[in-house]
């Protein structure tokens, strides 16, 4: 309904579990919609859990065993693909996975600070 009303492309639609992160521990799944049962095809969306999770490969977020155990195999493919992408990027840069994860996490913190600065400036 919302996609039709606002002409939102399917690739711009994500579920809560895909964008819910905890900046305090840098893990995904802070809140989850238990997306394993989300009816992607029935509402005309690509199953975004089958693509790499951007929080992992762009910003260095991680996840814990509790998240994996509670979500099920439908979400695991995107996690695996994101890890592969992050591993390839670390290798291209000649750094370890831990070093690269820290670089990505700093990227997130810098972006978050910049956004907070913008919202502070808008209030003036």
PDB file of N, CA and C in Angstrom:
ATOM      1  N   UNK A   1       0.816  -1.179   0.000  1.00  0.00           N
ATOM      2  CA  UNK A   1       0.000   0.000   0.000  1.00  0.00           C
ATOM      3  C   UNK A   1       0.873   1.261   0.000  1.00  0.00           C
ATOM      4  N   UNK A   2       1.857   1.295   0.888  1.00  0.00           N
ATOM      5  CA  UNK A   2       2.719   2.479   0.966  1.00  0.00           C
ATOM      6  C   UNK A   2       3.595   2.622  -0.276  1.00  0.00           C
ATOM      7  N   UNK A   3       4.092   1.480  -0.795  1.00  0.00           N
ATOM      8  CA  UNK A   3       4.899   1.547  -2.016  1.00  0.00           C
ATOM      9  C   UNK A   3       4.083   2.169  -3.136  1.00  0.00           C
ATOM     10  N   UNK A   4       2.848   1.739  -3.295  1.00  0.00           N
ATOM     11  CA  UNK A   4       1.992   2.264  -4.347  1.00  0.00           C
ATOM     12  C   UNK A   4       1.643   3.725  -4.133  1.00  0.00           C
ATOM     13  N   UNK A   5       1.296   4.073  -2.920  1.00  0.00           N
ATOM     14  CA  UNK A   5       0.880   5.446  -2.611  1.00  0.00           C
ATOM     15  C   UNK A   5       2.003   6.447  -2.832  1.00  0.00           C
ATOM     16  N   UNK A   6       3.220   6.082  -2.426  1.00  0.00           N
ATOM     17  CA  UNK A   6       4.350   7.011  -2.497  1.00  0.00           C
ATOM     18  C   UNK A   6       5.346   6.677  -3.602  1.00  0.00           C
ATOM     19  N   UNK A   7       4.998   5.706  -4.450  1.00  0.00           N
ATOM     20  CA  UNK A   7       5.855   5.316  -5.576  1.00  0.00           C
ATOM     21  C   UNK A   7       7.267   4.951  -5.105  1.00  0.00           C
ATOM     22  N   UNK A   8       7.341   4.082  -4.102  1.00  0.00           N
ATOM     23  CA  UNK A   8       8.615   3.663  -3.517  1.00  0.00           C
ATOM     24  C   UNK A   8       9.107   2.421  -4.256  1.00  0.00           C
ATOM     25  N   UNK A   9      10.317   2.477  -4.823  1.00  0.00           N
ATOM     26  CA  UNK A   9      10.858   1.293  -5.504  1.00  0.00           C
ATOM     27  C   UNK A   9      11.067   0.139  -4.513  1.00  0.00           C
ATOM     28  N   UNK A  10      10.872  -1.084  -4.984  1.00  0.00           N
ATOM     29  CA  UNK A  10      11.014  -2.271  -4.132  1.00  0.00           C
ATOM     30  C   UNK A  10      12.397  -2.344  -3.500  1.00  0.00           C
ATOM     31  N   UNK A  11      13.439  -1.928  -4.226  1.00  0.00           N
ATOM     32  CA  UNK A  11      14.796  -2.026  -3.676  1.00  0.00           C
ATOM     33  C   UNK A  11      15.021  -1.070  -2.500  1.00  0.00           C
ATOM     34  N   UNK A  12      14.113  -0.127  -2.290  1.00  0.00           N
ATOM     35  CA  UNK A  12      14.224   0.790  -1.157  1.00  0.00           C
ATOM     36  C   UNK A  12      13.404   0.326   0.043  1.00  0.00           C
ATOM     37  N   UNK A  13      12.863  -0.862  -0.032  1.00  0.00           N
ATOM     38  CA  UNK A  13      12.063  -1.407   1.068  1.00  0.00           C
ATOM     39  C   UNK A  13      12.889  -2.431   1.839  1.00  0.00           C
ATOM     40  N   UNK A  14      12.941  -2.258   3.123  1.00  0.00           N
ATOM     41  CA  UNK A  14      13.644  -3.196   3.987  1.00  0.00           C
ATOM     42  C   UNK A  14      12.765  -3.521   5.180  1.00  0.00           C
ATOM     43  N   UNK A  15      13.084  -4.607   5.838  1.00  0.00           N
ATOM     44  CA  UNK A  15      12.364  -4.963   7.044  1.00  0.00           C
ATOM     45  C   UNK A  15      13.100  -4.405   8.257  1.00  0.00           C
ATOM     46  N   UNK A  16      12.409  -4.381   9.363  1.00  0.00           N
ATOM     47  CA  UNK A  16      12.982  -3.831  10.584  1.00  0.00           C
ATOM     48  C   UNK A  16      14.269  -4.551  10.975  1.00  0.00           C
ATOM     49  N   UNK A  17      14.302  -5.858  10.840  1.00  0.00           N
ATOM     50  CA  UNK A  17      15.492  -6.622  11.236  1.00  0.00           C
ATOM     51  C   UNK A  17      16.718  -6.240  10.421  1.00  0.00           C
ATOM     52  N   UNK A  18      16.507  -5.722   9.218  1.00  0.00           N
ATOM     53  CA  UNK A  18      17.649  -5.372   8.374  1.00  0.00           C
ATOM     54  C   UNK A  18      18.274  -4.037   8.752  1.00  0.00           C
ATOM     55  N   UNK A  19      17.550  -3.193   9.421  1.00  0.00           N
ATOM     56  CA  UNK A  19      18.086  -1.873   9.748  1.00  0.00           C
ATOM     57  C   UNK A  19      18.204  -1.624  11.248  1.00  0.00           C
ATOM     58  N   UNK A  20      17.787  -2.581  12.043  1.00  0.00           N
ATOM     59  CA  UNK A  20      17.825  -2.425  13.485  1.00  0.00           C
ATOM     60  C   UNK A  20      19.217  -2.779  13.992  1.00  0.00           C
ATOM     61  N   UNK A  21      19.928  -1.763  14.468  1.00  0.00           N
ATOM     62  CA  UNK A  21      21.293  -1.963  14.951  1.00  0.00           C
ATOM     63  C   UNK A  21      21.433  -1.374  16.353  1.00  0.00           C
ATOM     64  N   UNK A  22      22.403  -1.879  17.086  1.00  0.00           N
ATOM     65  CA  UNK A  22      22.712  -1.351  18.403  1.00  0.00           C
ATOM     66  C   UNK A  22      24.104  -0.724  18.342  1.00  0.00           C
ATOM     67  N   UNK A  23      24.181   0.603  18.294  1.00  0.00           N
ATOM     68  CA  UNK A  23      25.488   1.260  18.214  1.00  0.00           C
ATOM     69  C   UNK A  23      26.369   1.036  19.442  1.00  0.00           C
ATOM     70  N   UNK A  24      25.753   0.699  20.578  1.00  0.00           N
ATOM     71  CA  UNK A  24      26.541   0.496  21.789  1.00  0.00           C
ATOM     72  C   UNK A  24      27.421  -0.745  21.712  1.00  0.00           C
ATOM     73  N   UNK A  25      26.889  -1.831  21.109  1.00  0.00           N
ATOM     74  CA  UNK A  25      27.719  -3.045  21.000  1.00  0.00           C
ATOM     75  C   UNK A  25      28.045  -3.388  19.547  1.00  0.00           C
ATOM     76  N   UNK A  26      27.622  -2.528  18.618  1.00  0.00           N
ATOM     77  CA  UNK A  26      27.892  -2.681  17.182  1.00  0.00           C
ATOM     78  C   UNK A  26      27.404  -4.037  16.657  1.00  0.00           C
ATOM     79  N   UNK A  27      26.166  -4.382  17.032  1.00  0.00           N
ATOM     80  CA  UNK A  27      25.549  -5.612  16.543  1.00  0.00           C
ATOM     81  C   UNK A  27      24.219  -5.301  15.869  1.00  0.00           C
ATOM     82  N   UNK A  28      23.907  -6.118  14.881  1.00  0.00           N
ATOM     83  CA  UNK A  28      22.605  -6.013  14.244  1.00  0.00           C
ATOM     84  C   UNK A  28      21.588  -6.775  15.079  1.00  0.00           C
ATOM     85  N   UNK A  29      20.312  -6.580  14.752  1.00  0.00           N
ATOM     86  CA  UNK A  29      19.263  -7.313  15.436  1.00  0.00           C
ATOM     87  C   UNK A  29      18.893  -6.745  16.783  1.00  0.00           C
ATOM     88  N   UNK A  30      19.101  -5.443  16.970  1.00  0.00           N
ATOM     89  CA  UNK A  30      18.736  -4.794  18.230  1.00  0.00           C
ATOM     90  C   UNK A  30      17.250  -5.015  18.500  1.00  0.00           C
ATOM     91  N   UNK A  31      16.462  -4.813  17.475  1.00  0.00           N
ATOM     92  CA  UNK A  31      15.055  -5.219  17.453  1.00  0.00           C
ATOM     93  C   UNK A  31      14.928  -6.111  16.229  1.00  0.00           C
ATOM     94  N   UNK A  32      14.100  -7.069  16.284  1.00  0.00           N
ATOM     95  CA  UNK A  32      13.955  -7.922  15.116  1.00  0.00           C
ATOM     96  C   UNK A  32      12.485  -8.195  14.839  1.00  0.00           C
ATOM     97  N   UNK A  33      12.188  -8.368  13.591  1.00  0.00           N
ATOM     98  CA  UNK A  33      10.820  -8.685  13.197  1.00  0.00           C
ATOM     99  C   UNK A  33      10.674 -10.166  12.923  1.00  0.00           C
ATOM    100  N   UNK A  34      11.647 -10.938  13.331  1.00  0.00           N
ATOM    101  CA  UNK A  34      11.649 -12.376  13.077  1.00  0.00           C
ATOM    102  C   UNK A  34      11.300 -12.620  11.613  1.00  0.00           C
ATOM    103  N   UNK A  35      12.092 -11.986  10.770  1.00  0.00           N
ATOM    104  CA  UNK A  35      11.852 -11.935   9.340  1.00  0.00           C
ATOM    105  C   UNK A  35      11.769 -13.244   8.596  1.00  0.00           C
ATOM    106  N   UNK A  36      12.034 -14.344   9.243  1.00  0.00           N
ATOM    107  CA  UNK A  36      11.973 -15.611   8.520  1.00  0.00           C
ATOM    108  C   UNK A  36      10.597 -15.882   7.935  1.00  0.00           C
ATOM    109  N   UNK A  37       9.567 -15.279   8.490  1.00  0.00           N
ATOM    110  CA  UNK A  37       8.228 -15.518   7.976  1.00  0.00           C
ATOM    111  C   UNK A  37       7.665 -14.360   7.181  1.00  0.00           C
ATOM    112  N   UNK A  38       8.481 -13.357   6.877  1.00  0.00           N
ATOM    113  CA  UNK A  38       7.975 -12.182   6.170  1.00  0.00           C
ATOM    114  C   UNK A  38       7.592 -12.563   4.735  1.00  0.00           C
ATOM    115  N   UNK A  39       6.393 -12.205   4.293  1.00  0.00           N
ATOM    116  CA  UNK A  39       5.906 -12.632   2.975  1.00  0.00           C
ATOM    117  C   UNK A  39       6.389 -11.735   1.828  1.00  0.00           C
ATOM    118  N   UNK A  40       7.677 -11.736   1.579  1.00  0.00           N
ATOM    119  CA  UNK A  40       8.241 -10.866   0.548  1.00  0.00           C
ATOM    120  C   UNK A  40       7.520 -11.010  -0.794  1.00  0.00           C
ATOM    121  N   UNK A  41       7.486 -12.216  -1.317  1.00  0.00           N
ATOM    122  CA  UNK A  41       6.917 -12.429  -2.651  1.00  0.00           C
ATOM    123  C   UNK A  41       5.451 -12.063  -2.712  1.00  0.00           C
ATOM    124  N   UNK A  42       4.711 -12.356  -1.670  1.00  0.00           N
ATOM    125  CA  UNK A  42       3.281 -12.089  -1.668  1.00  0.00           C
ATOM    126  C   UNK A  42       2.968 -10.600  -1.791  1.00  0.00           C
ATOM    127  N   UNK A  43       3.892  -9.747  -1.336  1.00  0.00           N
ATOM    128  CA  UNK A  43       3.644  -8.306  -1.448  1.00  0.00           C
ATOM    129  C   UNK A  43       4.520  -7.642  -2.508  1.00  0.00           C
ATOM    130  N   UNK A  44       5.124  -8.475  -3.343  1.00  0.00           N
ATOM    131  CA  UNK A  44       5.866  -7.953  -4.486  1.00  0.00           C
ATOM    132  C   UNK A  44       7.254  -7.432  -4.200  1.00  0.00           C
ATOM    133  N   UNK A  45       7.898  -7.948  -3.162  1.00  0.00           N
ATOM    134  CA  UNK A  45       9.247  -7.513  -2.824  1.00  0.00           C
ATOM    135  C   UNK A  45      10.253  -8.638  -3.018  1.00  0.00           C
ATOM    136  N   UNK A  46      11.478  -8.250  -3.333  1.00  0.00           N
ATOM    137  CA  UNK A  46      12.596  -9.186  -3.341  1.00  0.00           C
ATOM    138  C   UNK A  46      12.877  -9.590  -1.900  1.00  0.00           C
ATOM    139  N   UNK A  47      13.269 -10.824  -1.680  1.00  0.00           N
ATOM    140  CA  UNK A  47      13.634 -11.272  -0.338  1.00  0.00           C
ATOM    141  C   UNK A  47      14.984 -10.666   0.014  1.00  0.00           C
ATOM    142  N   UNK A  48      14.949  -9.545   0.711  1.00  0.00           N
ATOM    143  CA  UNK A  48      16.180  -8.814   1.026  1.00  0.00           C
ATOM    144  C   UNK A  48      17.108  -9.571   1.971  1.00  0.00           C
ATOM    145  N   UNK A  49      16.603 -10.614   2.618  1.00  0.00           N
ATOM    146  CA  UNK A  49      17.464 -11.404   3.479  1.00  0.00           C
ATOM    147  C   UNK A  49      18.405 -12.288   2.666  1.00  0.00           C
ATOM    148  N   UNK A  50      18.193 -12.328   1.370  1.00  0.00           N
ATOM    149  CA  UNK A  50      19.042 -13.124   0.497  1.00  0.00           C
ATOM    150  C   UNK A  50      20.182 -12.287  -0.094  1.00  0.00           C
ATOM    151  N   UNK A  51      20.228 -11.011   0.249  1.00  0.00           N
ATOM    152  CA  UNK A  51      21.303 -10.136  -0.224  1.00  0.00           C
ATOM    153  C   UNK A  51      22.172  -9.735   0.971  1.00  0.00           C
ATOM    154  N   UNK A  52      23.404  -9.307   0.731  1.00  0.00           N
ATOM    155  CA  UNK A  52      24.295  -8.950   1.839  1.00  0.00           C
ATOM    156  C   UNK A  52      23.707  -7.846   2.721  1.00  0.00           C
ATOM    157  N   UNK A  53      23.811  -8.023   4.024  1.00  0.00           N
ATOM    158  CA  UNK A  53      23.319  -7.030   4.973  1.00  0.00           C
ATOM    159  C   UNK A  53      24.290  -5.851   5.002  1.00  0.00           C
ATOM    160  N   UNK A  54      23.836  -4.655   4.586  1.00  0.00           N
ATOM    161  CA  UNK A  54      24.732  -3.497   4.511  1.00  0.00           C
ATOM    162  C   UNK A  54      25.353  -3.090   5.836  1.00  0.00           C
ATOM    163  N   UNK A  55      24.653  -3.293   6.947  1.00  0.00           N
ATOM    164  CA  UNK A  55      25.220  -2.911   8.239  1.00  0.00           C
ATOM    165  C   UNK A  55      26.522  -3.655   8.509  1.00  0.00           C
ATOM    166  N   UNK A  56      26.628  -4.880   8.003  1.00  0.00           N
ATOM    167  CA  UNK A  56      27.832  -5.677   8.219  1.00  0.00           C
ATOM    168  C   UNK A  56      28.974  -5.236   7.322  1.00  0.00           C
ATOM    169  N   UNK A  57      28.708  -5.047   6.020  1.00  0.00           N
ATOM    170  CA  UNK A  57      29.825  -4.788   5.109  1.00  0.00           C
ATOM    171  C   UNK A  57      30.131  -3.306   4.913  1.00  0.00           C
ATOM    172  N   UNK A  58      29.195  -2.421   5.262  1.00  0.00           N
ATOM    173  CA  UNK A  58      29.479  -0.994   5.125  1.00  0.00           C
ATOM    174  C   UNK A  58      29.945  -0.348   6.427  1.00  0.00           C
ATOM    175  N   UNK A  59      29.435  -0.879   7.559  1.00  0.00           N
ATOM    176  CA  UNK A  59      29.707  -0.221   8.830  1.00  0.00           C
ATOM    177  C   UNK A  59      30.302  -1.129   9.901  1.00  0.00           C
ATOM    178  N   UNK A  60      30.638  -2.365   9.555  1.00  0.00           N
ATOM    179  CA  UNK A  60      31.352  -3.233  10.479  1.00  0.00           C
ATOM    180  C   UNK A  60      30.543  -3.781  11.640  1.00  0.00           C
ATOM    181  N   UNK A  61      29.227  -3.736  11.538  1.00  0.00           N
ATOM    182  CA  UNK A  61      28.416  -4.339  12.593  1.00  0.00           C
ATOM    183  C   UNK A  61      28.619  -5.846  12.594  1.00  0.00           C
ATOM    184  N   UNK A  62      28.272  -6.465  13.686  1.00  0.00           N
ATOM    185  CA  UNK A  62      28.406  -7.902  13.835  1.00  0.00           C
ATOM    186  C   UNK A  62      27.086  -8.463  14.344  1.00  0.00           C
ATOM    187  N   UNK A  63      27.059  -9.719  14.669  1.00  0.00           N
ATOM    188  CA  UNK A  63      25.882 -10.359  15.249  1.00  0.00           C
ATOM    189  C   UNK A  63      26.366 -11.471  16.160  1.00  0.00           C
ATOM    190  N   UNK A  64      25.482 -11.903  17.030  1.00  0.00           N
ATOM    191  CA  UNK A  64      25.873 -12.942  17.979  1.00  0.00           C
ATOM    192  C   UNK A  64      25.101 -14.234  17.719  1.00  0.00           C
ATOM    193  N   UNK A  65      25.510 -15.323  18.368  1.00  0.00           N
ATOM    194  CA  UNK A  65      24.833 -16.612  18.156  1.00  0.00           C
ATOM    195  C   UNK A  65      23.335 -16.573  18.485  1.00  0.00           C
ATOM    196  N   UNK A  66      22.940 -15.764  19.462  1.00  0.00           N
ATOM    197  CA  UNK A  66      21.518 -15.676  19.813  1.00  0.00           C
ATOM    198  C   UNK A  66      20.712 -15.157  18.627  1.00  0.00           C
ATOM    199  N   UNK A  67      21.274 -14.203  17.893  1.00  0.00           N
ATOM    200  CA  UNK A  67      20.589 -13.669  16.714  1.00  0.00           C
ATOM    201  C   UNK A  67      20.452 -14.760  15.652  1.00  0.00           C
ATOM    202  N   UNK A  68      21.512 -15.460  15.401  1.00  0.00           N
ATOM    203  CA  UNK A  68      21.489 -16.520  14.394  1.00  0.00           C
ATOM    204  C   UNK A  68      20.480 -17.604  14.788  1.00  0.00           C
ATOM    205  N   UNK A  69      20.497 -18.012  16.047  1.00  0.00           N
ATOM    206  CA  UNK A  69      19.604 -19.071  16.499  1.00  0.00           C
ATOM    207  C   UNK A  69      18.136 -18.661  16.444  1.00  0.00           C
ATOM    208  N   UNK A  70      17.859 -17.388  16.648  1.00  0.00           N
ATOM    209  CA  UNK A  70      16.470 -16.950  16.694  1.00  0.00           C
ATOM    210  C   UNK A  70      15.903 -16.615  15.320  1.00  0.00           C
ATOM    211  N   UNK A  71      16.745 -16.445  14.318  1.00  0.00           N
ATOM    212  CA  UNK A  71      16.247 -16.002  13.019  1.00  0.00           C
ATOM    213  C   UNK A  71      15.987 -17.130  12.040  1.00  0.00           C
ATOM    214  N   UNK A  72      16.833 -18.105  11.978  1.00  0.00           N
ATOM    215  CA  UNK A  72      16.638 -19.189  11.036  1.00  0.00           C
ATOM    216  C   UNK A  72      17.394 -18.991   9.744  1.00  0.00           C
ATOM    217  N   UNK A  73      17.422 -20.043   8.926  1.00  0.00           N
ATOM    218  CA  UNK A  73      18.289 -20.064   7.736  1.00  0.00           C
ATOM    219  C   UNK A  73      17.935 -19.046   6.655  1.00  0.00           C
ATOM    220  N   UNK A  74      16.721 -18.532   6.610  1.00  0.00           N
ATOM    221  CA  UNK A  74      16.392 -17.550   5.576  1.00  0.00           C
ATOM    222  C   UNK A  74      17.241 -16.289   5.693  1.00  0.00           C
ATOM    223  N   UNK A  75      17.611 -15.913   6.899  1.00  0.00           N
ATOM    224  CA  UNK A  75      18.413 -14.713   7.094  1.00  0.00           C
ATOM    225  C   UNK A  75      19.903 -14.963   6.956  1.00  0.00           C
ATOM    226  N   UNK A  76      20.314 -16.205   7.093  1.00  0.00           N
ATOM    227  CA  UNK A  76      21.736 -16.513   7.132  1.00  0.00           C
ATOM    228  C   UNK A  76      22.444 -16.249   5.813  1.00  0.00           C
ATOM    229  N   UNK A  77      21.757 -16.399   4.701  1.00  0.00           N
ATOM    230  CA  UNK A  77      22.414 -16.185   3.409  1.00  0.00           C
ATOM    231  C   UNK A  77      22.930 -14.754   3.295  1.00  0.00           C
ATOM    232  N   UNK A  78      22.114 -13.783   3.667  1.00  0.00           N
ATOM    233  CA  UNK A  78      22.541 -12.386   3.612  1.00  0.00           C
ATOM    234  C   UNK A  78      23.693 -12.094   4.549  1.00  0.00           C
ATOM    235  N   UNK A  79      23.698 -12.757   5.707  1.00  0.00           N
ATOM    236  CA  UNK A  79      24.804 -12.583   6.651  1.00  0.00           C
ATOM    237  C   UNK A  79      26.091 -13.137   6.062  1.00  0.00           C
ATOM    238  N   UNK A  80      26.002 -14.323   5.480  1.00  0.00           N
ATOM    239  CA  UNK A  80      27.173 -14.965   4.876  1.00  0.00           C
ATOM    240  C   UNK A  80      27.712 -14.135   3.719  1.00  0.00           C
ATOM    241  N   UNK A  81      26.819 -13.637   2.868  1.00  0.00           N
ATOM    242  CA  UNK A  81      27.256 -12.816   1.733  1.00  0.00           C
ATOM    243  C   UNK A  81      27.904 -11.520   2.205  1.00  0.00           C
ATOM    244  N   UNK A  82      27.376 -10.921   3.260  1.00  0.00           N
ATOM    245  CA  UNK A  82      27.970  -9.695   3.797  1.00  0.00           C
ATOM    246  C   UNK A  82      29.354  -9.964   4.360  1.00  0.00           C
ATOM    247  N   UNK A  83      29.510 -11.084   5.048  1.00  0.00           N
ATOM    248  CA  UNK A  83      30.824 -11.443   5.582  1.00  0.00           C
ATOM    249  C   UNK A  83      31.825 -11.676   4.462  1.00  0.00           C
ATOM    250  N   UNK A  84      31.387 -12.329   3.391  1.00  0.00           N
ATOM    251  CA  UNK A  84      32.277 -12.550   2.247  1.00  0.00           C
ATOM    252  C   UNK A  84      32.698 -11.216   1.637  1.00  0.00           C
ATOM    253  N   UNK A  85      31.757 -10.314   1.479  1.00  0.00           N
ATOM    254  CA  UNK A  85      32.071  -9.003   0.914  1.00  0.00           C
ATOM    255  C   UNK A  85      33.058  -8.253   1.804  1.00  0.00           C
ATOM    256  N   UNK A  86      32.850  -8.323   3.110  1.00  0.00           N
ATOM    257  CA  UNK A  86      33.745  -7.649   4.052  1.00  0.00           C
ATOM    258  C   UNK A  86      35.130  -8.282   4.011  1.00  0.00           C
ATOM    259  N   UNK A  87      35.194  -9.599   3.918  1.00  0.00           N
ATOM    260  CA  UNK A  87      36.483 -10.304   3.845  1.00  0.00           C
ATOM    261  C   UNK A  87      37.240  -9.916   2.573  1.00  0.00           C
ATOM    262  N   UNK A  88      36.538  -9.852   1.443  1.00  0.00           N
ATOM    263  CA  UNK A  88      37.159  -9.457   0.172  1.00  0.00           C
ATOM    264  C   UNK A  88      37.679  -8.019   0.236  1.00  0.00           C
ATOM    265  N   UNK A  89      36.901  -7.134   0.828  1.00  0.00           N
ATOM    266  CA  UNK A  89      37.328  -5.734   0.938  1.00  0.00           C
ATOM    267  C   UNK A  89      38.540  -5.588   1.833  1.00  0.00           C
ATOM    268  N   UNK A  90      38.579  -6.352   2.927  1.00  0.00           N
ATOM    269  CA  UNK A  90      39.746  -6.314   3.816  1.00  0.00           C
ATOM    270  C   UNK A  90      40.982  -6.793   3.071  1.00  0.00           C
ATOM    271  N   UNK A  91      40.843  -7.869   2.309  1.00  0.00           N
ATOM    272  CA  UNK A  91      41.975  -8.414   1.551  1.00  0.00           C
ATOM    273  C   UNK A  91      42.455  -7.411   0.502  1.00  0.00           C
ATOM    274  N   UNK A  92      41.524  -6.746  -0.176  1.00  0.00           N
ATOM    275  CA  UNK A  92      41.898  -5.739  -1.176  1.00  0.00           C
ATOM    276  C   UNK A  92      42.713  -4.614  -0.549  1.00  0.00           C
ATOM    277  N   UNK A  93      42.426  -4.303   0.697  1.00  0.00           N
ATOM    278  CA  UNK A  93      43.116  -3.213   1.393  1.00  0.00           C
ATOM    279  C   UNK A  93      44.352  -3.695   2.142  1.00  0.00           C
ATOM    280  N   UNK A  94      44.556  -5.013   2.166  1.00  0.00           N
ATOM    281  CA  UNK A  94      45.729  -5.570   2.829  1.00  0.00           C
ATOM    282  C   UNK A  94      45.686  -5.462   4.340  1.00  0.00           C
ATOM    283  N   UNK A  95      44.477  -5.547   4.913  1.00  0.00           N
ATOM    284  CA  UNK A  95      44.335  -5.476   6.369  1.00  0.00           C
ATOM    285  C   UNK A  95      43.592  -6.720   6.848  1.00  0.00           C
ATOM    286  N   UNK A  96      43.701  -6.993   8.141  1.00  0.00           N
ATOM    287  CA  UNK A  96      42.982  -8.122   8.713  1.00  0.00           C
ATOM    288  C   UNK A  96      41.499  -7.787   8.821  1.00  0.00           C
ATOM    289  N   UNK A  97      40.701  -8.811   9.043  1.00  0.00           N
ATOM    290  CA  UNK A  97      39.268  -8.596   9.222  1.00  0.00           C
ATOM    291  C   UNK A  97      38.995  -7.715  10.438  1.00  0.00           C
ATOM    292  N   UNK A  98      39.721  -7.932  11.524  1.00  0.00           N
ATOM    293  CA  UNK A  98      39.514  -7.103  12.714  1.00  0.00           C
ATOM    294  C   UNK A  98      39.877  -5.647  12.449  1.00  0.00           C
ATOM    295  N   UNK A  99      40.984  -5.423  11.749  1.00  0.00           N
ATOM    296  CA  UNK A  99      41.377  -4.054  11.421  1.00  0.00           C
ATOM    297  C   UNK A  99      40.326  -3.395  10.522  1.00  0.00           C
ATOM    298  N   UNK A 100      39.853  -4.132   9.553  1.00  0.00           N
ATOM    299  CA  UNK A 100      38.877  -3.580   8.619  1.00  0.00           C
ATOM    300  C   UNK A 100      37.546  -3.308   9.323  1.00  0.00           C
ATOM    301  N   UNK A 101      37.139  -4.197  10.209  1.00  0.00           N
ATOM    302  CA  UNK A 101      35.908  -3.991  10.963  1.00  0.00           C
ATOM    303  C   UNK A 101      36.004  -2.697  11.771  1.00  0.00           C
ATOM    304  N   UNK A 102      37.166  -2.433  12.367  1.00  0.00           N
ATOM    305  CA  UNK A 102      37.345  -1.198  13.140  1.00  0.00           C
ATOM    306  C   UNK A 102      37.273   0.032  12.239  1.00  0.00           C
ATOM    307  N   UNK A 103      37.828  -0.071  11.038  1.00  0.00           N
ATOM    308  CA  UNK A 103      37.740   1.026  10.069  1.00  0.00           C
ATOM    309  C   UNK A 103      36.277   1.295   9.720  1.00  0.00           C
ATOM    310  N   UNK A 104      35.536   0.234   9.460  1.00  0.00           N
ATOM    311  CA  UNK A 104      34.120   0.376   9.111  1.00  0.00           C
ATOM    312  C   UNK A 104      33.312   0.940  10.280  1.00  0.00           C
ATOM    313  N   UNK A 105      33.609   0.483  11.484  1.00  0.00           N
ATOM    314  CA  UNK A 105      32.893   0.988  12.648  1.00  0.00           C
ATOM    315  C   UNK A 105      33.180   2.469  12.865  1.00  0.00           C
ATOM    316  N   UNK A 106      34.401   2.883  12.577  1.00  0.00           N
ATOM    317  CA  UNK A 106      34.712   4.313  12.678  1.00  0.00           C
ATOM    318  C   UNK A 106      33.944   5.097  11.615  1.00  0.00           C
ATOM    319  N   UNK A 107      33.787   4.515  10.449  1.00  0.00           N
ATOM    320  CA  UNK A 107      32.985   5.132   9.381  1.00  0.00           C
ATOM    321  C   UNK A 107      31.563   5.380   9.887  1.00  0.00           C
ATOM    322  N   UNK A 108      31.002   4.385  10.559  1.00  0.00           N
ATOM    323  CA  UNK A 108      29.652   4.526  11.105  1.00  0.00           C
ATOM    324  C   UNK A 108      29.601   5.655  12.140  1.00  0.00           C
ATOM    325  N   UNK A 109      30.567   5.655  13.061  1.00  0.00           N
ATOM    326  CA  UNK A 109      30.585   6.675  14.115  1.00  0.00           C
ATOM    327  C   UNK A 109      30.754   8.069  13.521  1.00  0.00           C
ATOM    328  N   UNK A 110      31.573   8.192  12.493  1.00  0.00           N
ATOM    329  CA  UNK A 110      31.756   9.484  11.827  1.00  0.00           C
ATOM    330  C   UNK A 110      30.463   9.939  11.154  1.00  0.00           C
ATOM    331  N   UNK A 111      29.781   9.014  10.492  1.00  0.00           N
ATOM    332  CA  UNK A 111      28.514   9.348   9.831  1.00  0.00           C
ATOM    333  C   UNK A 111      27.469   9.734  10.870  1.00  0.00           C
ATOM    334  N   UNK A 112      27.426   9.013  11.954  1.00  0.00           N
ATOM    335  CA  UNK A 112      26.471   9.309  13.020  1.00  0.00           C
ATOM    336  C   UNK A 112      26.739  10.696  13.614  1.00  0.00           C
ATOM    337  N   UNK A 113      28.002  11.026  13.845  1.00  0.00           N
ATOM    338  CA  UNK A 113      28.364  12.345  14.369  1.00  0.00           C
ATOM    339  C   UNK A 113      27.984  13.452  13.390  1.00  0.00           C
ATOM    340  N   UNK A 114      28.225  13.212  12.106  1.00  0.00           N
ATOM    341  CA  UNK A 114      27.880  14.205  11.095  1.00  0.00           C
ATOM    342  C   UNK A 114      26.371  14.448  11.069  1.00  0.00           C
ATOM    343  N   UNK A 115      25.596  13.395  11.179  1.00  0.00           N
ATOM    344  CA  UNK A 115      24.141  13.543  11.188  1.00  0.00           C
ATOM    345  C   UNK A 115      23.665  14.270  12.436  1.00  0.00           C
ATOM    346  N   UNK A 116      24.280  13.996  13.563  1.00  0.00           N
ATOM    347  CA  UNK A 116      23.915  14.687  14.792  1.00  0.00           C
ATOM    348  C   UNK A 116      24.264  16.174  14.675  1.00  0.00           C
ATOM    349  N   UNK A 117      25.377  16.465  14.033  1.00  0.00           N
ATOM    350  CA  UNK A 117      25.763  17.855  13.800  1.00  0.00           C
ATOM    351  C   UNK A 117      24.758  18.573  12.918  1.00  0.00           C
ATOM    352  N   UNK A 118      24.272  17.893  11.907  1.00  0.00           N
ATOM    353  CA  UNK A 118      23.265  18.495  11.029  1.00  0.00           C
ATOM    354  C   UNK A 118      21.989  18.796  11.776  1.00  0.00           C
ATOM    355  N   UNK A 119      21.534  17.863  12.599  1.00  0.00           N
ATOM    356  CA  UNK A 119      20.287  18.082  13.323  1.00  0.00           C
ATOM    357  C   UNK A 119      20.452  19.186  14.366  1.00  0.00           C
ATOM    358  N   UNK A 120      21.638  19.317  14.947  1.00  0.00           N
ATOM    359  CA  UNK A 120      21.901  20.386  15.895  1.00  0.00           C
ATOM    360  C   UNK A 120      21.869  21.733  15.181  1.00  0.00           C
ATOM    361  N   UNK A 121      22.464  21.794  13.992  1.00  0.00           N
ATOM    362  CA  UNK A 121      22.499  23.041  13.242  1.00  0.00           C
ATOM    363  C   UNK A 121      21.116  23.437  12.735  1.00  0.00           C
ATOM    364  N   UNK A 122      20.255  22.450  12.460  1.00  0.00           N
ATOM    365  CA  UNK A 122      18.906  22.769  11.993  1.00  0.00           C
ATOM    366  C   UNK A 122      18.081  23.408  13.088  1.00  0.00           C
ATOM    367  N   UNK A 123      18.381  23.098  14.335  1.00  0.00           N
ATOM    368  CA  UNK A 123      17.633  23.661  15.459  1.00  0.00           C
ATOM    369  C   UNK A 123      18.011  25.085  15.798  1.00  0.00           C
ATOM    370  N   UNK A 124      19.024  25.609  15.149  1.00  0.00           N
ATOM    371  CA  UNK A 124      19.494  26.988  15.459  1.00  0.00           C
ATOM    372  C   UNK A 124      18.808  27.998  14.604  1.00  0.00           C
TER     373      UNK A 124
END
